[in-house]
N, C-alpha and C. Protein backbone atom coordinates (compact mmCIF):
# COMPACT_ATOMS: atom_id res chain seq x y z
N UNK A 1 90.89 104.26 94.51
CA UNK A 1 90.85 103.01 93.29
C UNK A 1 91.42 103.86 91.97
N UNK A 2 92.88 103.14 91.96
CA UNK A 2 92.95 103.55 90.37
C UNK A 2 92.18 103.05 89.04
N UNK A 3 91.12 103.58 88.84
CA UNK A 3 90.48 102.90 87.69
C UNK A 3 91.06 103.11 86.41
N UNK A 4 90.97 102.42 85.05
CA UNK A 4 90.97 102.92 84.01
C UNK A 4 90.51 102.10 83.32
N UNK A 5 90.05 102.83 82.09
CA UNK A 5 88.60 102.32 81.54
C UNK A 5 89.04 102.24 79.57
N UNK A 6 88.96 101.38 78.99
CA UNK A 6 89.00 101.13 77.92
C UNK A 6 88.16 100.79 77.00
N UNK A 7 88.04 101.30 76.04
CA UNK A 7 86.99 100.87 74.93
C UNK A 7 87.88 100.16 74.26
N UNK A 8 87.15 98.77 74.14
CA UNK A 8 86.94 97.92 73.03
C UNK A 8 88.06 98.24 71.69
N UNK A 9 88.94 97.50 71.48
CA UNK A 9 89.56 97.97 70.06
C UNK A 9 88.67 97.82 68.73
N UNK A 10 88.77 98.83 67.89
CA UNK A 10 88.07 98.94 66.31
C UNK A 10 87.32 97.36 65.62
N UNK A 11 86.23 97.05 65.77
CA UNK A 11 86.07 96.25 65.18
C UNK A 11 85.77 96.04 63.57
N UNK A 12 85.40 94.44 63.38
CA UNK A 12 85.06 94.49 61.82
C UNK A 12 83.35 94.77 61.64
N UNK A 13 83.36 95.33 60.87
CA UNK A 13 81.96 95.76 60.63
C UNK A 13 80.40 94.99 60.25
N UNK A 14 79.43 94.45 60.74
CA UNK A 14 78.71 93.74 61.04
C UNK A 14 77.98 92.83 59.71
N UNK A 15 78.16 91.80 59.50
CA UNK A 15 78.29 91.62 58.33
C UNK A 15 76.58 90.98 57.80
N UNK A 16 75.48 91.20 58.53
CA UNK A 16 74.26 91.42 59.05
C UNK A 16 73.54 89.94 59.07
N UNK A 17 74.64 89.02 59.35
CA UNK A 17 74.83 87.44 59.59
C UNK A 17 75.02 87.09 60.96
N UNK A 18 75.70 87.63 61.69
CA UNK A 18 76.15 87.43 62.71
C UNK A 18 75.64 88.28 63.78
N UNK A 19 75.67 87.78 65.46
CA UNK A 19 75.00 88.93 66.56
C UNK A 19 76.23 90.29 66.56
N UNK A 20 75.63 91.18 66.80
CA UNK A 20 77.16 92.17 67.67
C UNK A 20 77.44 91.93 68.28
N UNK A 21 77.32 91.19 69.13
CA UNK A 21 78.21 90.45 70.28
C UNK A 21 79.12 89.47 70.22
N UNK A 22 79.27 89.30 69.05
CA UNK A 22 80.34 87.85 68.26
C UNK A 22 80.88 89.14 67.35
N UNK A 23 80.93 89.96 66.69
CA UNK A 23 82.01 90.67 66.66
C UNK A 23 83.52 90.98 66.78
N UNK A 24 84.55 90.54 66.05
CA UNK A 24 85.75 90.67 67.06
C UNK A 24 86.86 91.88 66.24
N UNK A 25 87.75 91.75 66.81
CA UNK A 25 88.51 92.94 66.31
C UNK A 25 88.98 93.21 64.81
N UNK A 26 89.06 94.56 64.63
CA UNK A 26 89.72 94.62 63.27
C UNK A 26 91.48 94.34 63.51
N UNK A 27 92.53 93.94 62.14
CA UNK A 27 93.81 94.53 62.61
C UNK A 27 93.72 95.73 63.00
N UNK A 28 93.39 96.81 62.44
CA UNK A 28 93.39 98.44 63.16
C UNK A 28 93.00 98.06 64.91
N UNK A 29 91.94 97.76 65.38
CA UNK A 29 91.83 97.54 66.29
C UNK A 29 92.71 96.54 67.38
N UNK A 30 93.41 95.45 66.67
CA UNK A 30 94.34 94.33 67.37
C UNK A 30 95.79 95.45 67.95
N UNK A 31 95.81 96.36 66.44
CA UNK A 31 97.07 97.37 66.78
C UNK A 31 96.83 98.48 67.96
N UNK A 32 95.83 98.86 67.82
CA UNK A 32 95.63 100.59 68.69
C UNK A 32 95.51 99.35 70.46
N UNK A 33 94.92 98.26 70.53
CA UNK A 33 94.83 98.06 71.82
C UNK A 33 96.05 97.23 72.34
N UNK A 34 96.93 96.68 71.43
CA UNK A 34 98.22 96.54 71.46
C UNK A 34 99.15 97.78 72.22
N UNK A 35 98.88 98.60 71.65
CA UNK A 35 99.47 99.93 71.76
C UNK A 35 98.83 100.54 73.35
N UNK A 36 97.83 100.37 73.61
CA UNK A 36 97.39 100.69 75.06
C UNK A 36 97.71 99.66 75.66
N UNK A 37 98.11 98.29 75.61
CA UNK A 37 98.87 97.26 76.83
C UNK A 37 100.19 98.16 76.62
N UNK A 38 100.55 98.13 75.92
CA UNK A 38 102.13 98.83 76.07
C UNK A 38 102.34 99.73 76.76
N UNK A 39 101.66 100.53 77.05
CA UNK A 39 101.37 102.01 77.39
C UNK A 39 100.70 101.55 78.98
N UNK A 40 99.63 100.75 79.60
CA UNK A 40 99.85 100.55 80.88
C UNK A 40 100.29 99.76 81.51
N UNK A 41 101.14 98.89 80.38
CA UNK A 41 102.14 98.11 80.96
C UNK A 41 103.40 98.93 82.07
N UNK A 42 103.79 100.52 81.29
CA UNK A 42 104.46 101.00 82.23
C UNK A 42 103.93 101.79 83.53
N UNK A 43 102.52 101.89 83.61
CA UNK A 43 102.07 102.16 85.09
C UNK A 43 102.76 101.34 86.11
N UNK A 44 102.76 102.46 87.49
CA UNK A 44 102.72 101.82 88.83
C UNK A 44 102.00 103.02 89.56
N UNK A 45 101.28 101.92 90.26
CA UNK A 45 101.31 100.49 91.04
C UNK A 45 100.95 100.24 89.30
N UNK A 46 100.82 98.72 89.28
CA UNK A 46 100.22 97.97 88.04
C UNK A 46 99.05 97.59 88.20
N UNK A 47 98.60 97.44 86.77
CA UNK A 47 97.11 96.53 87.20
C UNK A 47 97.04 95.38 87.43
N UNK A 48 95.93 95.17 88.58
CA UNK A 48 96.10 93.87 89.05
C UNK A 48 94.63 93.25 88.61
N UNK A 49 94.25 93.63 88.12
CA UNK A 49 93.04 93.17 87.85
C UNK A 49 92.03 93.71 86.84
N UNK A 50 91.71 92.62 85.63
CA UNK A 50 90.39 93.02 84.57
C UNK A 50 88.98 93.08 84.38
N UNK A 51 88.24 93.91 84.27
CA UNK A 51 87.15 93.27 83.87
C UNK A 51 86.88 93.90 82.34
N UNK A 52 86.00 92.83 81.83
CA UNK A 52 85.55 92.72 80.46
C UNK A 52 84.45 92.72 80.30
N UNK A 53 83.66 93.45 79.62
CA UNK A 53 82.70 92.64 79.15
C UNK A 53 82.39 91.64 78.29
N UNK A 54 81.66 91.01 78.54
CA UNK A 54 81.47 89.32 78.02
C UNK A 54 81.39 89.12 76.23
N UNK A 55 81.28 90.60 75.70
CA UNK A 55 81.42 90.50 74.26
C UNK A 55 82.89 90.55 73.14
N UNK A 56 82.39 89.58 72.49
CA UNK A 56 83.92 89.00 71.68
C UNK A 56 84.63 90.05 71.96
N UNK A 57 84.46 91.00 71.01
CA UNK A 57 85.39 92.38 70.87
C UNK A 57 86.02 92.81 72.38
N UNK A 58 85.68 92.99 73.51
CA UNK A 58 86.13 93.17 74.55
C UNK A 58 86.61 92.48 75.21
N UNK A 59 86.65 90.84 74.84
CA UNK A 59 87.41 89.87 75.53
C UNK A 59 88.71 89.56 74.97
N UNK A 60 88.62 89.81 73.55
CA UNK A 60 89.69 89.71 73.15
C UNK A 60 90.50 91.12 73.07
N UNK A 61 90.14 91.84 73.62
CA UNK A 61 90.95 93.60 73.79
C UNK A 61 91.24 93.32 75.47
N UNK A 62 91.08 92.31 76.64
CA UNK A 62 91.18 92.07 77.48
C UNK A 62 92.88 91.01 77.50
N UNK A 63 92.54 89.89 76.85
CA UNK A 63 93.85 89.24 76.70
C UNK A 63 94.64 89.74 75.55
N UNK A 64 94.32 90.62 74.54
CA UNK A 64 95.69 91.19 74.21
C UNK A 64 96.38 92.40 75.73
N UNK A 65 96.02 92.94 76.08
CA UNK A 65 96.09 93.74 77.14
C UNK A 65 97.52 93.18 78.00
N UNK A 66 96.08 91.99 78.42
CA UNK A 66 96.84 91.41 79.77
C UNK A 66 98.16 90.49 79.16
N UNK A 67 97.92 90.37 77.93
CA UNK A 67 100.02 89.67 77.62
C UNK A 67 100.64 90.79 77.60
N UNK A 68 100.41 92.08 77.89
CA UNK A 68 101.19 93.50 77.83
C UNK A 68 101.79 93.31 79.21
N UNK A 69 100.98 93.35 80.22
CA UNK A 69 100.63 93.87 81.60
C UNK A 69 101.83 92.71 82.45
N UNK A 70 102.68 93.28 83.54
CA UNK A 70 103.54 92.85 84.10
C UNK A 70 102.51 91.50 85.11
N UNK A 71 102.95 90.17 85.47
CA UNK A 71 102.18 89.36 86.35
C UNK A 71 100.87 89.07 85.32
N UNK A 72 100.80 89.59 84.17
CA UNK A 72 99.60 89.55 83.37
C UNK A 72 98.22 88.89 84.55
N UNK A 73 97.47 89.99 84.97
CA UNK A 73 96.51 89.67 85.84
C UNK A 73 94.95 89.27 85.22
N UNK A 74 94.40 88.58 86.30
CA UNK A 74 93.30 87.62 85.82
C UNK A 74 92.34 88.68 85.07
N UNK A 75 91.29 87.92 84.42
CA UNK A 75 90.30 89.26 83.20
C UNK A 75 89.41 87.98 83.52
N UNK A 76 88.26 88.99 84.26
CA UNK A 76 86.91 88.64 84.76
C UNK A 76 86.20 89.32 83.24
N UNK A 77 85.29 88.35 82.82
CA UNK A 77 83.99 88.58 82.27
C UNK A 77 82.83 89.28 82.94
N UNK A 78 82.27 90.07 83.01
CA UNK A 78 81.29 91.02 83.60
C UNK A 78 80.28 91.44 83.11
N UNK A 79 78.98 90.36 83.50
CA UNK A 79 78.02 91.18 82.98
C UNK A 79 77.52 92.75 83.22
N UNK A 80 77.97 92.98 84.23
CA UNK A 80 77.84 94.57 84.09
C UNK A 80 78.39 95.68 83.11
N UNK A 81 79.33 94.92 82.57
CA UNK A 81 79.89 96.21 81.38
C UNK A 81 78.98 95.68 79.90
N UNK A 82 78.14 94.74 80.05
CA UNK A 82 77.99 94.70 78.53
C UNK A 82 77.32 96.07 78.04
N UNK A 83 77.18 96.17 76.84
CA UNK A 83 76.32 97.80 76.77
C UNK A 83 75.40 97.80 77.26
N UNK A 84 74.56 99.09 77.37
CA UNK A 84 73.77 99.22 78.08
C UNK A 84 73.71 99.19 79.67
N UNK A 85 74.84 98.63 80.02
CA UNK A 85 74.68 98.61 81.68
C UNK A 85 74.22 99.37 82.80
N UNK A 86 74.00 98.81 83.80
CA UNK A 86 73.38 99.35 85.12
C UNK A 86 74.93 100.05 86.09
N UNK A 87 75.05 101.43 86.17
CA UNK A 87 76.02 101.87 86.37
C UNK A 87 76.49 101.12 88.12
N UNK A 88 74.88 101.30 88.99
CA UNK A 88 74.64 101.08 89.91
C UNK A 88 75.82 99.87 90.12
N UNK A 89 75.27 98.74 89.65
CA UNK A 89 76.06 97.03 89.37
C UNK A 89 77.07 97.24 89.27
N UNK A 90 77.61 97.61 88.13
CA UNK A 90 79.73 98.21 88.51
C UNK A 90 80.17 98.37 89.11
N UNK A 91 79.13 99.33 90.00
CA UNK A 91 80.20 100.24 91.11
C UNK A 91 80.10 99.51 92.31
N UNK A 92 78.81 98.19 92.12
CA UNK A 92 78.67 97.44 93.22
C UNK A 92 79.70 96.49 93.18
N UNK A 93 80.05 95.72 91.89
CA UNK A 93 81.15 95.24 91.87
C UNK A 93 82.53 95.27 92.10
N UNK A 94 82.68 96.61 91.63
CA UNK A 94 83.88 97.79 91.75
C UNK A 94 84.14 97.53 93.14
N UNK A 95 83.39 97.69 94.18
CA UNK A 95 83.58 98.03 95.23
C UNK A 95 83.97 97.02 96.83
N UNK A 96 83.49 95.77 95.72
CA UNK A 96 83.94 94.37 96.38
C UNK A 96 85.52 93.77 96.14
N UNK A 97 85.92 94.62 95.19
CA UNK A 97 87.56 94.10 95.02
C UNK A 97 88.67 94.94 95.96
N UNK A 98 89.36 94.46 96.35
CA UNK A 98 90.37 94.58 96.67
C UNK A 98 91.64 95.08 96.07
N UNK A 99 91.40 94.86 94.70
CA UNK A 99 92.74 95.66 94.42
C UNK A 99 92.40 97.01 94.27
N UNK A 100 93.77 97.45 93.83
CA UNK A 100 93.94 99.28 93.85
C UNK A 100 94.06 99.56 92.56
N UNK A 101 94.32 98.51 91.54
CA UNK A 101 94.80 99.32 90.12
C UNK A 101 93.56 98.02 88.99
N UNK A 102 92.64 98.69 88.65
CA UNK A 102 91.39 97.82 88.08
C UNK A 102 91.87 98.50 86.85
N UNK A 103 90.94 97.94 85.79
CA UNK A 103 90.89 98.12 84.40
C UNK A 103 89.84 97.41 84.15
N UNK A 104 88.86 98.49 83.37
CA UNK A 104 87.42 97.94 83.33
C UNK A 104 87.16 97.82 81.28
N UNK A 105 87.17 97.29 80.70
CA UNK A 105 87.05 97.16 79.10
C UNK A 105 85.54 97.41 78.96
N UNK A 106 85.07 98.00 77.80
CA UNK A 106 83.56 98.26 77.57
C UNK A 106 83.16 98.60 76.67
N UNK A 107 81.87 99.61 76.51
CA UNK A 107 81.31 100.20 75.19
C UNK A 107 81.27 101.42 75.34
N UNK A 108 80.73 102.24 74.46
CA UNK A 108 80.13 103.46 74.61
C UNK A 108 78.86 103.12 74.29
N UNK A 109 77.87 104.56 74.44
CA UNK A 109 78.34 105.05 75.86
C UNK A 109 78.71 104.93 76.98
N UNK A 110 78.51 104.37 76.82
CA UNK A 110 78.64 103.63 79.08
C UNK A 110 79.43 104.17 79.65
N UNK A 111 80.59 103.62 78.55
CA UNK A 111 82.13 103.99 79.22
C UNK A 111 82.34 105.77 79.76
N UNK A 112 81.67 106.60 78.60
CA UNK A 112 81.77 108.09 79.25
C UNK A 112 80.37 108.56 80.19
N UNK A 113 79.62 107.61 79.95
CA UNK A 113 78.71 107.85 81.01
C UNK A 113 78.88 108.00 82.50
N UNK A 114 79.85 106.45 82.26
CA UNK A 114 80.24 106.04 83.89
C UNK A 114 81.37 107.52 84.51
N UNK A 115 82.27 107.65 83.37
CA UNK A 115 83.06 108.91 83.27
C UNK A 115 82.52 110.41 84.20
N UNK A 116 81.50 110.66 83.58
CA UNK A 116 80.61 111.86 83.86
C UNK A 116 79.91 111.52 84.96
N UNK A 117 79.45 110.50 85.36
CA UNK A 117 78.91 109.85 86.93
C UNK A 117 80.28 110.39 88.15
N UNK A 118 80.99 109.55 87.67
CA UNK A 118 82.31 109.54 88.77
C UNK A 118 82.46 110.92 88.75
N UNK A 119 82.83 112.06 87.89
CA UNK A 119 83.49 113.18 88.45
C UNK A 119 82.67 114.06 88.85
N UNK A 120 81.20 114.27 88.07
CA UNK A 120 80.66 115.33 88.43
C UNK A 120 78.92 114.81 88.56
N UNK A 121 78.51 113.68 88.52
CA UNK A 121 77.53 113.61 88.43
C UNK A 121 76.31 113.85 87.24
N UNK A 122 76.80 114.76 86.81
CA UNK A 122 76.10 115.26 85.70
C UNK A 122 76.28 114.88 84.10
N UNK A 123 75.39 115.02 83.14
CA UNK A 123 76.23 114.52 81.79
C UNK A 123 77.10 115.36 81.45
N UNK A 124 78.42 114.80 81.25
CA UNK A 124 78.92 115.26 79.78
C UNK A 124 79.36 115.21 78.82
N UNK A 125 79.90 115.79 77.75
CA UNK A 125 80.27 116.03 76.03
C UNK A 125 81.57 115.34 75.96
N UNK A 126 81.60 113.87 76.44
CA UNK A 126 83.09 113.03 75.94
C UNK A 126 82.70 112.45 75.26
N UNK A 127 84.19 112.02 74.31
CA UNK A 127 84.15 111.14 73.08
C UNK A 127 84.85 109.80 73.39
N UNK A 128 84.97 108.76 73.09
CA UNK A 128 85.83 107.52 73.49
C UNK A 128 85.78 106.33 72.12
N UNK A 129 86.69 107.27 71.39
CA UNK A 129 86.90 106.77 70.30
C UNK A 129 87.08 104.93 70.62
N UNK A 130 86.65 103.97 69.52
CA UNK A 130 87.73 102.69 69.74
C UNK A 130 89.05 102.66 70.41
N UNK A 131 89.34 101.79 70.92
CA UNK A 131 90.52 101.78 71.53
C UNK A 131 91.33 103.61 72.58
N UNK A 132 90.35 103.81 72.98
CA UNK A 132 90.66 104.73 73.77
C UNK A 132 90.73 104.54 75.32
N UNK A 133 91.37 105.01 75.78
CA UNK A 133 92.21 104.87 77.53
C UNK A 133 91.50 105.74 78.80
N UNK A 134 90.98 105.94 79.98
CA UNK A 134 90.83 106.95 80.26
C UNK A 134 91.39 106.40 81.79
N UNK A 135 91.93 107.46 82.71
CA UNK A 135 92.26 107.44 83.91
C UNK A 135 92.02 108.15 84.84
N UNK A 136 91.06 107.52 86.06
CA UNK A 136 90.79 108.28 87.04
C UNK A 136 90.92 107.36 88.54
N UNK A 137 91.60 108.17 89.43
CA UNK A 137 91.10 107.75 90.71
C UNK A 137 89.50 108.08 91.18
N UNK A 138 89.32 107.01 91.64
CA UNK A 138 87.87 106.80 92.24
C UNK A 138 87.94 106.39 94.17
N UNK A 139 86.58 107.05 94.57
CA UNK A 139 86.61 107.17 96.06
C UNK A 139 85.35 106.88 96.46
N UNK A 140 85.00 106.92 97.99
CA UNK A 140 83.68 106.15 98.08
C UNK A 140 83.04 105.36 96.93
N UNK A 141 83.40 104.39 96.40
CA UNK A 141 82.66 103.40 96.17
C UNK A 141 81.56 102.54 96.90
N UNK A 142 80.29 102.41 97.22
CA UNK A 142 79.33 102.72 95.74
C UNK A 142 78.28 104.09 96.24
N UNK A 143 78.43 104.20 97.70
CA UNK A 143 77.66 105.26 98.43
C UNK A 143 77.40 106.78 97.21
N UNK A 144 78.19 107.93 97.60
CA UNK A 144 78.20 108.46 96.60
C UNK A 144 79.78 108.59 96.14
N UNK A 145 79.53 108.10 94.66
CA UNK A 145 81.07 107.81 93.83
C UNK A 145 81.21 109.30 93.70
N UNK A 146 82.90 109.29 94.05
CA UNK A 146 83.40 110.45 93.74
C UNK A 146 84.91 110.76 93.30
N UNK A 147 84.78 110.70 91.56
CA UNK A 147 86.39 110.52 91.11
C UNK A 147 86.65 111.60 90.45
N UNK A 148 87.92 111.69 89.63
CA UNK A 148 88.95 112.76 89.24
C UNK A 148 89.40 111.75 88.11
N UNK A 149 89.12 112.54 87.08
CA UNK A 149 89.77 112.14 85.75
C UNK A 149 91.19 112.62 85.60
N UNK A 150 92.03 112.03 85.44
CA UNK A 150 93.42 112.30 85.48
C UNK A 150 93.83 112.46 84.05
N UNK A 151 93.17 111.51 82.97
CA UNK A 151 93.70 111.51 81.59
C UNK A 151 92.29 110.98 80.79
N UNK A 152 92.61 110.94 79.50
CA UNK A 152 92.07 110.80 78.51
C UNK A 152 92.73 110.95 77.21
N UNK A 153 92.95 109.45 76.55
CA UNK A 153 93.96 109.43 75.51
C UNK A 153 93.16 108.68 74.05
N UNK A 154 93.32 109.02 73.37
CA UNK A 154 92.84 108.37 71.85
C UNK A 154 93.62 107.61 71.42
N UNK A 155 93.60 106.82 70.38
CA UNK A 155 94.50 105.55 69.58
C UNK A 155 95.50 106.45 69.07
N UNK A 156 95.70 107.70 68.36
CA UNK A 156 96.35 108.58 67.89
C UNK A 156 97.48 109.14 68.62
N UNK A 157 96.87 109.28 69.79
CA UNK A 157 98.13 109.56 71.01
C UNK A 157 98.41 108.62 72.15
N UNK A 158 98.28 107.89 71.57
CA UNK A 158 98.44 106.20 72.66
C UNK A 158 99.81 105.97 71.71
N UNK A 159 99.38 105.96 70.65
CA UNK A 159 100.32 106.05 69.38
C UNK A 159 101.94 106.56 69.23
N UNK A 160 101.46 107.82 69.23
CA UNK A 160 102.10 109.08 69.66
C UNK A 160 103.27 108.49 71.05
N UNK A 161 102.60 108.15 71.76
CA UNK A 161 102.58 108.09 73.49
C UNK A 161 104.14 107.09 72.99
N UNK A 162 104.06 105.68 72.37
CA UNK A 162 104.45 104.79 72.49
C UNK A 162 105.85 104.88 71.72
N UNK A 163 105.53 106.26 70.41
CA UNK A 163 106.62 106.11 69.32
C UNK A 163 106.46 105.55 68.17
N UNK A 164 105.64 105.40 68.26
CA UNK A 164 104.44 105.16 66.69
C UNK A 164 103.86 106.18 66.57
N UNK A 165 104.51 106.41 65.18
CA UNK A 165 103.74 108.13 64.47
C UNK A 165 103.08 107.46 63.46
């Protein structure tokens, strides 16, 4: 499976009156996510499914990316991507998919923890700032996950690859 991991875009700061789960994307976050969508739209084979955390900023990220992708793949809000998710549950969900190219949208530090688990089984010191995108090739889900990190891009590099300096 080609698994792409996208950290939701930059979100507006909490005003203290609303729950963290209700925070929306900032203008910068929307722009970064649009850039990630443009980059993902050039992939072959194309993404055929999007899984997203049910938090507002992740759902907004999913809808923006979906609009940029060929065929506008189905978006599924997954409780297995909420902050603090159990890796085993997400891996079980992924193993039930027949899609070969899946985009999962979630939060830190869970996404880098998932990358570390899939490629080494150990802890790695990785950082994914909001709007960062990673590509992995994953095999043997869920027994003994084995994966290879193909690339990890931050929003500045995504902008550069899209010709937006």
